[in-house]
Protein backbone atom coordinates (compact mmCIF):
# COMPACT_ATOMS: atom_id res chain seq x y z
CA MET A 1 7.90 -233.34 64.72
CA LEU A 2 7.73 -232.81 68.47
CA VAL A 3 6.83 -236.48 68.95
CA SER A 4 9.67 -237.54 66.67
CA TYR A 5 12.23 -235.40 68.51
CA PRO A 6 11.47 -235.74 72.22
CA THR A 7 14.75 -234.14 73.22
CA ILE A 8 13.82 -230.95 71.38
CA THR A 9 10.34 -231.07 72.91
CA VAL A 10 11.67 -231.42 76.46
CA GLY A 11 14.31 -228.77 75.90
CA ALA A 12 11.84 -226.30 74.44
CA SER A 13 9.41 -226.95 77.27
CA ILE A 14 12.09 -226.39 79.88
CA PHE A 15 13.19 -223.19 78.17
CA ILE A 16 9.63 -221.81 78.01
CA LEU A 17 8.92 -222.73 81.62
CA ALA A 18 12.19 -221.19 82.76
CA TYR A 19 11.46 -218.01 80.83
CA LEU A 20 7.97 -217.75 82.29
CA ALA A 21 9.29 -218.48 85.78
CA LYS A 22 11.97 -215.82 85.40
CA ARG A 23 9.40 -213.26 84.26
CA TYR A 24 7.11 -214.18 87.14
CA PHE A 25 9.74 -214.02 89.87
CA SER A 26 11.40 -210.87 88.51
CA SER A 27 8.14 -208.99 87.86
CA PRO A 28 7.99 -205.77 89.88
CA TRP A 29 4.26 -206.39 90.38
CA ARG A 30 5.16 -209.15 92.85
CA ARG A 31 6.76 -206.47 95.03
CA LEU A 32 3.76 -204.21 95.54
CA PRO A 33 3.20 -202.83 99.05
CA PRO A 34 1.07 -205.07 101.30
CA GLY A 35 -2.67 -204.59 101.16
CA PRO A 36 -6.10 -206.09 101.86
CA ARG A 37 -7.58 -208.74 99.61
CA GLY A 38 -10.30 -207.55 97.29
CA TYR A 39 -13.07 -209.03 95.21
CA PRO A 40 -12.53 -210.37 91.66
CA ILE A 41 -12.62 -207.54 89.07
CA LEU A 42 -13.88 -205.00 91.64
CA GLY A 43 -10.81 -205.23 93.85
CA ASN A 44 -11.29 -202.93 96.86
CA ALA A 45 -13.71 -200.60 95.06
CA LEU A 46 -16.66 -201.36 97.36
CA ASP A 47 -14.56 -200.74 100.47
CA MET A 48 -13.36 -197.41 99.10
CA LEU A 49 -16.89 -196.04 98.70
CA ASN A 50 -16.57 -194.95 102.34
CA MET A 51 -13.04 -193.63 102.12
CA GLN A 52 -12.71 -192.35 105.67
CA GLN A 53 -13.68 -195.68 107.22
CA PHE A 54 -11.44 -197.53 104.80
CA LEU A 55 -8.49 -195.29 105.69
CA ALA A 56 -9.00 -195.99 109.37
CA LYS A 57 -8.93 -199.74 108.70
CA SER A 58 -5.87 -199.48 106.46
CA TYR A 59 -3.78 -198.03 109.28
CA ALA A 60 -3.36 -201.48 110.83
CA LEU A 61 -1.90 -202.86 107.58
CA GLY A 62 1.25 -200.74 107.52
CA ASP A 63 2.78 -197.38 106.62
CA LEU A 64 2.26 -197.91 102.88
CA VAL A 65 -0.74 -199.99 101.79
CA TYR A 66 -1.63 -201.07 98.25
CA VAL A 67 -5.24 -201.30 97.07
CA ASN A 68 -6.91 -201.81 93.72
CA ALA A 69 -10.25 -200.49 92.49
CA ILE A 70 -11.49 -201.99 89.20
CA GLY A 71 -7.98 -202.16 87.84
CA LYS A 72 -6.86 -198.76 89.19
CA SER A 73 -3.84 -198.93 91.49
CA ALA A 74 -3.73 -196.89 94.69
CA VAL A 75 -1.59 -196.65 97.81
CA ILE A 76 -2.60 -195.32 101.20
CA ILE A 77 0.16 -193.56 103.12
CA ASN A 78 -0.21 -193.83 106.89
CA ASN A 79 3.09 -192.29 107.97
CA GLN A 80 4.45 -188.72 107.84
CA ARG A 81 7.97 -189.79 106.92
CA VAL A 82 6.77 -191.96 104.04
CA ALA A 83 4.45 -189.21 102.79
CA ALA A 84 7.28 -186.66 102.85
CA ASP A 85 9.70 -189.10 101.17
CA LEU A 86 7.32 -189.68 98.29
CA LEU A 87 5.27 -186.49 97.90
CA ASP A 88 7.82 -183.88 99.03
CA ARG A 89 11.23 -185.29 98.16
CA ARG A 90 10.03 -187.01 94.98
CA ALA A 91 7.56 -184.32 93.97
CA ALA A 92 8.63 -184.49 90.32
CA THR A 93 7.21 -188.03 90.20
CA PHE A 94 4.27 -187.74 92.62
CA SER A 95 2.52 -184.48 91.69
CA GLY A 96 -0.06 -185.77 89.22
CA ARG A 97 -3.80 -186.01 89.76
CA PRO A 98 -6.16 -188.86 88.88
CA ARG A 99 -8.35 -188.32 85.87
CA THR A 100 -11.77 -187.01 86.89
CA ILE A 101 -13.94 -187.00 83.80
CA VAL A 102 -17.20 -185.51 85.02
CA ALA A 103 -15.89 -182.90 87.46
CA GLN A 104 -12.69 -181.76 85.76
CA GLU A 105 -13.22 -182.44 82.06
CA LEU A 106 -16.94 -181.69 81.76
CA TRP A 107 -18.01 -179.37 84.58
CA CYS A 108 -14.71 -177.44 84.61
CA ASN A 109 -13.49 -178.01 81.03
CA GLY A 110 -10.05 -178.84 82.44
CA LEU A 111 -9.72 -175.51 84.31
CA SER A 112 -9.82 -176.53 87.98
CA ILE A 113 -6.27 -176.35 89.34
CA VAL A 114 -7.31 -178.64 92.21
CA THR A 115 -7.91 -181.65 89.95
CA MET A 116 -5.80 -180.52 86.99
CA GLY A 117 -2.89 -182.69 85.91
CA HIS A 118 0.76 -181.73 86.38
CA THR A 119 0.77 -179.63 83.19
CA ASP A 120 2.16 -176.30 81.99
CA ARG A 121 -1.27 -174.67 82.50
CA TRP A 122 -1.34 -175.97 86.06
CA ARG A 123 2.15 -174.58 86.72
CA ARG A 124 1.17 -171.11 85.48
CA MET A 125 -2.10 -171.01 87.41
CA ARG A 126 -0.52 -172.46 90.54
CA ARG A 127 2.31 -169.92 90.41
CA ALA A 128 -0.17 -167.05 90.13
CA MET A 129 -2.20 -168.33 93.09
CA HIS A 130 0.96 -168.92 95.14
CA GLU A 131 2.25 -165.39 94.60
CA GLY A 132 -1.17 -163.91 95.31
CA LEU A 133 -1.55 -165.83 98.60
CA ARG A 134 2.01 -166.35 99.91
CA THR A 135 3.14 -165.09 103.33
CA ALA A 136 4.01 -161.55 102.17
CA SER A 137 0.78 -161.18 100.19
CA ALA A 138 -1.32 -162.68 103.00
CA LYS A 139 -0.78 -159.56 105.12
CA THR A 140 -2.86 -157.66 102.57
CA TYR A 141 -5.98 -159.47 103.78
CA HIS A 142 -5.57 -159.01 107.54
CA GLU A 143 -8.11 -156.19 107.71
CA MET A 144 -10.74 -158.32 105.97
CA GLU A 145 -10.05 -161.32 108.20
CA VAL A 146 -10.40 -159.31 111.40
CA GLU A 147 -13.58 -157.66 110.12
CA GLU A 148 -15.23 -160.98 109.29
CA ALA A 149 -14.26 -162.51 112.66
CA ARG A 150 -15.75 -159.54 114.54
CA LEU A 151 -18.95 -159.74 112.50
CA LEU A 152 -19.15 -163.47 113.23
CA ALA A 153 -18.90 -162.91 116.99
CA LEU A 154 -21.57 -160.18 116.90
CA ALA A 155 -23.88 -162.40 114.84
CA LEU A 156 -23.52 -165.25 117.32
CA SER A 157 -24.27 -162.90 120.21
CA ASN A 158 -27.40 -161.49 118.55
CA ASP A 159 -28.94 -164.86 117.64
CA LYS A 160 -31.24 -166.03 120.41
CA ASP A 161 -31.47 -169.49 118.80
CA VAL A 162 -27.72 -170.04 118.49
CA SER A 163 -27.69 -172.65 121.28
CA THR A 164 -30.10 -174.97 119.44
CA PRO A 165 -28.49 -178.09 117.90
CA GLY A 166 -26.21 -176.78 115.14
CA GLY A 167 -27.52 -173.24 115.64
CA TYR A 168 -24.07 -171.83 114.91
CA VAL A 169 -23.66 -173.67 111.54
CA HIS A 170 -25.25 -171.10 109.24
CA HIS A 171 -23.27 -168.32 110.93
CA TYR A 172 -20.00 -170.15 110.28
CA ALA A 173 -21.01 -170.91 106.69
CA ARG A 174 -21.85 -167.24 106.07
CA TYR A 175 -18.59 -166.15 107.73
CA ALA A 176 -16.51 -168.49 105.56
CA ALA A 177 -18.30 -167.55 102.35
CA SER A 178 -17.97 -163.82 103.05
CA LEU A 179 -14.31 -164.17 103.97
CA ILE A 180 -13.38 -166.07 100.79
CA LEU A 181 -15.33 -163.65 98.59
CA ALA A 182 -13.72 -160.65 100.30
CA ILE A 183 -10.20 -161.99 99.79
CA THR A 184 -10.83 -163.14 96.23
CA TYR A 185 -13.02 -160.35 94.81
CA ASP A 186 -13.37 -157.75 97.59
CA ARG A 187 -17.05 -158.78 97.62
CA PRO A 188 -17.97 -159.71 101.21
CA ILE A 189 -21.54 -160.76 101.95
CA ARG A 190 -23.43 -157.98 103.67
CA GLY A 191 -27.01 -159.18 103.35
CA THR A 192 -28.17 -157.45 100.18
CA ALA A 193 -30.38 -159.30 97.70
CA GLU A 194 -27.48 -159.37 95.23
CA ASP A 195 -25.17 -160.82 97.89
CA GLU A 196 -27.65 -163.56 98.73
CA LYS A 197 -28.11 -164.44 95.08
CA MET A 198 -24.33 -164.65 94.63
CA ALA A 199 -23.91 -166.82 97.73
CA HIS A 200 -26.73 -169.11 96.64
CA PHE A 201 -25.18 -169.67 93.21
CA LEU A 202 -21.73 -170.34 94.69
CA GLU A 203 -23.27 -172.91 97.00
CA TRP A 204 -24.92 -174.53 93.97
CA ILE A 205 -21.52 -174.77 92.25
CA LEU A 206 -19.95 -176.29 95.35
CA THR A 207 -22.73 -178.86 95.73
CA LYS A 208 -22.55 -179.90 92.07
CA LEU A 209 -18.76 -180.29 92.01
CA GLU A 210 -18.72 -182.19 95.31
CA ALA A 211 -21.36 -184.57 93.95
CA ALA A 212 -19.41 -185.01 90.71
CA THR A 213 -16.24 -186.03 92.57
CA ALA A 214 -17.89 -188.41 95.05
CA PRO A 215 -16.54 -191.98 94.78
CA GLY A 216 -18.81 -194.12 92.60
CA ALA A 217 -20.93 -191.16 91.49
CA HIS A 218 -20.44 -191.82 87.77
CA LEU A 219 -19.67 -195.06 85.94
CA VAL A 220 -17.82 -193.12 83.25
CA GLU A 221 -14.93 -192.67 85.70
CA TYR A 222 -14.41 -196.46 85.57
CA PHE A 223 -15.46 -196.94 81.96
CA PRO A 224 -14.19 -193.88 80.02
CA VAL A 225 -15.60 -195.25 76.78
CA MET A 226 -18.96 -193.93 78.03
CA LEU A 227 -17.66 -190.42 77.33
CA ALA A 228 -18.50 -191.06 73.67
CA ILE A 229 -22.23 -191.17 74.47
CA PRO A 230 -23.91 -188.07 72.95
CA ALA A 231 -25.03 -185.52 75.54
CA LYS A 232 -28.67 -185.79 74.48
CA PHE A 233 -28.66 -189.43 75.63
CA ALA A 234 -26.65 -188.88 78.84
CA LYS A 235 -28.13 -186.51 81.43
CA TRP A 236 -24.94 -186.53 83.53
CA LYS A 237 -22.99 -185.27 80.52
CA ARG A 238 -25.62 -182.74 79.44
CA ASP A 239 -25.94 -181.30 82.94
CA ALA A 240 -22.16 -180.95 83.25
CA LEU A 241 -21.68 -179.20 79.90
CA GLU A 242 -24.56 -176.81 80.55
CA GLY A 243 -23.30 -176.23 84.08
CA HIS A 244 -19.84 -175.29 82.81
CA VAL A 245 -21.30 -172.51 80.68
CA LYS A 246 -23.24 -171.09 83.65
CA ILE A 247 -20.22 -171.27 85.97
CA SER A 248 -17.90 -169.63 83.45
CA GLN A 249 -20.33 -166.76 82.90
CA PHE A 250 -20.65 -166.27 86.65
CA TYR A 251 -16.87 -166.30 87.28
CA ASN A 252 -16.35 -163.87 84.41
CA SER A 253 -18.95 -161.49 85.84
CA LEU A 254 -17.15 -161.40 89.21
CA VAL A 255 -13.83 -160.60 87.53
CA ASP A 256 -15.49 -157.94 85.37
CA ASP A 257 -16.87 -156.33 88.54
CA VAL A 258 -13.35 -156.10 89.98
CA LYS A 259 -12.13 -154.52 86.73
CA ARG A 260 -14.93 -151.97 86.89
CA ARG A 261 -14.03 -150.99 90.45
CA MET A 262 -10.34 -150.79 89.54
CA THR A 263 -11.18 -148.37 86.74
CA SER A 264 -13.24 -146.19 89.06
CA GLY A 265 -10.64 -146.32 91.82
CA GLU A 266 -12.96 -148.14 94.27
CA ALA A 267 -11.21 -151.51 94.39
CA ARG A 268 -9.47 -152.61 97.57
CA PRO A 269 -6.71 -155.26 97.44
CA SER A 270 -7.94 -158.70 96.38
CA LEU A 271 -6.59 -161.82 94.74
CA VAL A 272 -8.29 -160.98 91.44
CA ARG A 273 -6.84 -157.47 91.47
CA THR A 274 -3.38 -159.03 91.85
CA LEU A 275 -4.03 -161.46 89.00
CA ILE A 276 -5.18 -158.60 86.75
CA ASP A 277 -2.30 -156.27 87.68
CA GLU A 278 0.26 -159.04 87.10
CA LYS A 279 -1.41 -160.57 84.04
CA GLN A 280 1.68 -160.35 81.86
CA HIS A 281 3.92 -161.67 84.63
CA PHE A 282 1.74 -164.72 85.26
CA GLY A 283 0.91 -165.36 81.61
CA LEU A 284 -2.72 -166.28 82.30
CA SER A 285 -5.54 -165.96 79.80
CA GLU A 286 -8.85 -164.34 80.75
CA VAL A 287 -10.53 -167.70 81.27
CA GLU A 288 -7.60 -169.03 83.32
CA THR A 289 -7.75 -165.94 85.55
CA SER A 290 -11.48 -166.25 86.18
CA TRP A 291 -11.27 -169.98 86.95
CA ALA A 292 -8.17 -169.68 89.14
CA ALA A 293 -10.06 -167.18 91.28
CA GLY A 294 -13.37 -169.02 91.15
CA ILE A 295 -11.93 -172.24 92.52
CA MET A 296 -10.94 -170.38 95.71
CA TYR A 297 -14.52 -170.59 96.98
CA ILE A 298 -14.76 -174.29 96.15
CA VAL A 299 -11.61 -175.23 98.08
CA GLY A 300 -11.86 -172.63 100.84
CA SER A 301 -15.41 -172.11 102.04
CA ASP A 302 -16.24 -175.60 103.31
CA THR A 303 -12.84 -176.16 104.93
CA GLN A 304 -12.83 -172.75 106.62
CA ALA A 305 -16.31 -173.22 108.06
CA ALA A 306 -15.53 -176.78 109.14
CA MET A 307 -12.35 -175.73 110.93
CA VAL A 308 -14.16 -173.02 112.93
CA GLU A 309 -16.72 -175.66 113.92
CA TRP A 310 -13.92 -177.98 115.09
CA ILE A 311 -12.27 -175.09 116.97
CA THR A 312 -15.54 -174.37 118.76
CA LEU A 313 -16.08 -178.02 119.66
CA ALA A 314 -12.50 -178.50 120.87
CA LEU A 315 -12.66 -175.49 123.19
CA ALA A 316 -16.19 -176.15 124.42
CA THR A 317 -15.32 -179.74 125.37
CA HIS A 318 -11.92 -178.90 126.92
CA PRO A 319 -12.64 -176.05 129.38
CA GLU A 320 -9.21 -176.34 131.01
CA PHE A 321 -7.46 -175.34 127.77
CA GLN A 322 -10.13 -172.71 127.04
CA ARG A 323 -9.46 -171.02 130.38
CA ARG A 324 -5.70 -171.09 129.81
CA ALA A 325 -6.07 -169.45 126.40
CA GLN A 326 -8.44 -166.83 127.80
CA ALA A 327 -6.01 -166.04 130.63
CA GLU A 328 -3.31 -165.41 128.03
CA LEU A 329 -5.64 -163.14 126.04
CA ASP A 330 -6.59 -161.20 129.16
CA SER A 331 -2.92 -160.77 130.10
CA VAL A 332 -1.82 -159.55 126.68
CA ILE A 333 -4.91 -157.70 125.40
CA GLY A 334 -7.21 -157.07 128.35
CA HIS A 335 -10.82 -155.96 127.94
CA ALA A 336 -10.33 -152.52 126.40
CA ARG A 337 -10.02 -153.73 122.80
CA SER A 338 -10.47 -156.91 120.77
CA PRO A 339 -7.59 -159.06 119.44
CA ARG A 340 -5.73 -158.30 116.23
CA ILE A 341 -3.57 -160.54 114.05
CA GLU A 342 -0.52 -158.52 115.10
CA ASP A 343 -0.99 -159.89 118.64
CA ARG A 344 -0.13 -163.44 117.50
CA SER A 345 3.57 -163.31 118.47
CA ASN A 346 2.51 -162.57 122.07
CA LEU A 347 -0.13 -165.32 122.18
CA PRO A 348 1.78 -168.62 121.97
CA PHE A 349 -0.93 -170.69 123.68
CA VAL A 350 -3.68 -169.40 121.39
CA THR A 351 -1.41 -170.17 118.42
CA ALA A 352 -0.71 -173.64 119.82
CA THR A 353 -4.46 -174.19 120.31
CA LEU A 354 -5.14 -173.48 116.64
CA ARG A 355 -2.30 -175.76 115.51
CA GLU A 356 -3.62 -178.51 117.73
CA VAL A 357 -7.16 -178.30 116.36
CA ILE A 358 -5.90 -178.50 112.77
CA ARG A 359 -3.72 -181.49 113.72
CA TRP A 360 -6.37 -183.24 115.79
CA LYS A 361 -9.32 -182.79 113.41
CA PRO A 362 -8.17 -181.97 109.86
CA ALA A 363 -11.08 -180.72 107.77
CA ALA A 364 -9.88 -182.75 104.77
CA PRO A 365 -8.68 -186.00 106.36
CA TYR A 366 -7.32 -187.53 103.15
CA GLY A 367 -7.42 -184.59 100.75
CA ILE A 368 -7.25 -185.18 97.01
CA PRO A 369 -4.94 -187.99 95.88
CA HIS A 370 -1.65 -187.43 94.11
CA VAL A 371 -0.74 -189.70 91.18
CA SER A 372 2.65 -191.20 90.32
CA GLU A 373 3.73 -190.15 86.84
CA GLU A 374 6.48 -192.79 86.53
CA ASP A 375 7.18 -196.27 87.89
CA ASP A 376 9.01 -195.93 91.19
CA TRP A 377 10.41 -198.02 94.04
CA TYR A 378 10.25 -197.25 97.74
CA GLU A 379 12.06 -199.36 100.34
CA GLY A 380 11.89 -202.42 98.07
CA MET A 381 8.22 -201.89 97.17
CA PHE A 382 7.05 -201.19 93.63
CA ILE A 383 4.72 -198.24 92.92
CA PRO A 384 3.46 -198.43 89.31
CA LYS A 385 3.00 -195.40 87.08
CA GLY A 386 -0.53 -194.04 87.44
CA THR A 387 -0.94 -195.08 91.08
CA MET A 388 -3.19 -192.84 93.17
CA CYS A 389 -1.60 -191.82 96.48
CA PHE A 390 -3.98 -191.10 99.36
CA VAL A 391 -2.51 -189.61 102.54
CA ASN A 392 -4.20 -190.69 105.75
CA MET A 393 -3.86 -187.34 107.53
CA VAL A 394 -5.36 -188.66 110.75
CA ALA A 395 -2.79 -191.46 110.98
CA CYS A 396 0.06 -189.09 110.13
CA ASN A 397 -1.08 -186.47 112.63
CA THR A 398 -1.52 -188.96 115.48
CA ASN A 399 1.84 -190.72 115.20
CA THR A 400 2.86 -191.29 118.82
CA GLU A 401 6.57 -191.20 117.92
CA ILE A 402 6.15 -187.59 116.78
CA TYR A 403 3.34 -186.21 118.94
CA GLY A 404 3.62 -188.31 122.09
CA ALA A 405 1.63 -191.05 123.74
CA ASP A 406 -1.48 -188.84 123.91
CA ALA A 407 -1.40 -188.02 120.18
CA ALA A 408 -5.02 -189.09 119.71
CA HIS A 409 -6.18 -186.52 122.28
CA PHE A 410 -6.56 -182.74 122.17
CA ASN A 411 -3.68 -181.07 124.00
CA PRO A 412 -2.33 -177.71 122.77
CA ALA A 413 0.47 -177.83 125.35
CA ARG A 414 2.33 -180.36 123.19
CA TYR A 415 3.49 -177.44 121.03
CA LEU A 416 4.99 -175.46 123.93
CA ASP A 417 8.32 -175.70 125.74
CA GLU A 418 8.87 -175.45 129.49
CA LYS A 419 8.82 -171.62 129.20
CA GLY A 420 5.43 -171.63 127.49
CA GLN A 421 6.83 -170.62 124.10
CA LEU A 422 6.26 -172.40 120.79
CA LYS A 423 8.63 -175.29 120.17
CA PRO A 424 10.17 -175.92 116.73
CA SER A 425 7.76 -177.87 114.56
CA PRO A 426 8.36 -181.58 113.90
CA PRO A 427 10.32 -182.47 110.75
CA ASP A 428 8.42 -182.48 107.43
CA THR A 429 5.57 -180.30 108.76
CA LYS A 430 6.75 -177.06 107.05
CA ASP A 431 6.62 -175.16 110.35
CA GLU A 432 2.89 -175.89 110.64
CA GLY A 433 3.16 -178.49 113.40
CA HIS A 434 1.01 -180.93 111.39
CA VAL A 435 0.56 -182.16 107.82
CA SER A 436 -3.12 -181.28 107.36
CA TYR A 437 -2.34 -178.86 104.53
CA GLY A 438 -0.84 -181.60 102.38
CA PHE A 439 2.49 -182.23 100.69
CA GLY A 440 4.76 -181.34 97.84
CA ARG A 441 3.67 -179.28 94.87
CA ARG A 442 0.04 -179.89 95.83
CA ILE A 443 0.24 -178.41 99.33
CA CYS A 444 -2.64 -176.03 100.09
CA VAL A 445 -1.82 -172.84 98.21
CA GLY A 446 -3.86 -170.70 100.62
CA ARG A 447 -2.50 -172.07 103.88
CA HIS A 448 -0.91 -168.78 105.01
CA VAL A 449 -4.19 -166.90 104.51
CA ALA A 450 -6.11 -169.74 106.19
CA ASN A 451 -3.78 -169.67 109.22
CA ASP A 452 -4.22 -165.91 109.62
CA ALA A 453 -8.01 -166.08 109.31
CA LEU A 454 -8.36 -169.05 111.66
CA PHE A 455 -6.05 -167.47 114.23
CA ILE A 456 -8.06 -164.27 114.50
CA ALA A 457 -11.35 -166.17 114.52
CA THR A 458 -10.04 -168.35 117.37
CA ALA A 459 -8.70 -165.37 119.31
CA ILE A 460 -11.89 -163.30 119.00
CA LEU A 461 -14.20 -166.20 119.90
CA LEU A 462 -12.08 -166.96 122.99
CA TRP A 463 -11.81 -163.29 123.96
CA ALA A 464 -15.54 -162.63 123.56
CA PHE A 465 -17.21 -165.84 124.78
CA ASP A 466 -17.17 -168.67 127.24
CA LEU A 467 -17.96 -171.71 125.10
CA SER A 468 -19.70 -174.76 126.52
CA THR A 469 -21.59 -177.73 125.13
CA ILE A 470 -25.12 -178.49 126.26
CA GLY A 471 -25.57 -182.21 126.83
CA GLU A 472 -23.32 -185.12 125.86
CA TYR A 473 -21.18 -185.19 122.73
CA ASP A 474 -19.16 -187.98 121.13
CA LEU A 475 -15.91 -186.49 119.77
CA HIS A 476 -15.53 -189.39 117.33
CA THR A 477 -18.68 -188.52 115.36
CA TYR A 478 -18.59 -186.30 112.30
CA VAL A 479 -20.48 -185.36 109.15
CA ASP A 480 -18.78 -186.81 106.06
CA LYS A 481 -19.10 -184.36 103.14
CA GLY A 482 -16.84 -186.27 100.79
CA VAL A 483 -13.48 -184.51 100.74
CA THR A 484 -14.18 -182.54 103.94
CA ASN A 485 -15.82 -183.36 107.24
CA SER A 486 -17.21 -181.35 110.13
CA PRO A 487 -18.48 -182.11 113.64
CA LYS A 488 -21.89 -183.64 114.03
CA PRO A 489 -24.12 -180.64 114.94
CA PHE A 490 -24.12 -180.04 118.69
CA ARG A 491 -25.62 -177.58 121.13
CA CYS A 492 -23.16 -174.87 122.10
CA LYS A 493 -23.68 -172.00 124.51
CA PHE A 494 -21.94 -168.70 123.64
CA THR A 495 -21.82 -166.65 126.84
CA PRO A 496 -20.22 -163.18 126.64
CA ARG A 497 -17.25 -163.13 129.03
CA PHE A 498 -17.82 -159.56 130.24
CA PRO A 499 -20.63 -157.03 129.75
CA GLU A 500 -18.74 -154.71 127.38
CA ALA A 501 -17.45 -157.42 125.01
CA MET A 502 -20.00 -156.92 122.23
CA SER A 503 -19.95 -153.13 122.40
CA ILE A 504 -16.14 -153.14 122.15
CA LEU A 505 -16.31 -155.44 119.11
CA ALA A 506 -18.86 -153.14 117.49
CA ALA A 507 -16.76 -150.05 118.28
CA ASP A 508 -13.60 -151.68 116.91
CA LEU A 509 -15.52 -152.64 113.79
CA ASP A 510 -16.74 -149.07 113.27
CA ALA A 511 -13.29 -147.64 113.90
CA ALA A 512 -11.74 -149.86 111.26
């Protein structure tokens, strides 16, 4: 018939071609953000196995860069303004999380608020954590934070091997673990056999969950059909399911211990005590309470320890700023007592020093990606539903238009005015002076507590010690731990600044 009626054939062909052309040219997928070319099928998956290096390369491609990994869409955000536009001002669309089968669904049974989707359960658990750790509640933990910082300084002073390469690392790890456990359960680590057993198991949990979330760790993340494999034939699945049972029992035991101490009148303030007291208000089940608290160690211990390492390195390698901070401490506090958190308002340079370290070397340089829950457009570029959004914190925090021509360098003075007082923070930094704590509804829920703890640790280390590196050190090197990073271990000398420093710390500790 087509041969017999050529006019119809030509007309139909033209119509079909026009329709296909219209669909092609009007397709939103032709308006994706610019991005690097990838391999067939794999896309940019191989490049993204080393995410930190890939982020550094992406910076040259633009403020918003599109990549694809085995069919999964992702954008990398290299600009503070763009990140705030999408993740803050469009939080209703960009607050999801990517599906993580092994870590979230198997190891955590969907109970980790860090990788949980934007669901009603997440909202309830997030609200409870926010109220338990917000600015007003954070003051509850000041005593614990000061105590742990003093103990850290005394431990560093008493260790004759602390100046060996990385000799400070285990002290910082113990400090961070004890601090998080004190705030969460009122269970600081004090060296008993039970404490060591608890710390060892928490470290096991952290190691397992970090391994489960590492890019490329499990094929099931790319081929979800593998989830149907019976556990007896899949070790990765069997280990995760068995691990979840062990973790749940452990978290429950820690909460039960807080309940026991509350009953006997021995419990000090803690996050878990708040969650128990306000159970009806928050609407959390027993299992949601135990997992909300338990995740605190996972998200807080590594980052807290890493930030104190970066603080030490920054000060040891920049003696001019170290001396200026110490002069401020001597002027305000003197040598008769050690610093307290209440001194912060009178220590603008020490505060600026902490802000600068967090800006300069964020412990989680790209955090955990958000996910778009609807199709969206940004400045003429199409962002499909389900797109992962990675924020390149390093690029955002070193924007020369915001932080000056020396943005890549360590300089606490950038936060001070001509009178030596703190300047207003740049737009979209939530009065932090940087964006290292994240954006939108996924911003770090414990940032106020973290700021308090890091401030007093910084102040006490500066007040008690002269810090100096032994030998050469490349500031661009680091240890990549997946989500977090820390300095490559270096040799640091901790020299007490005056003879009475350690005895005053010990006396202040006893008096508290």
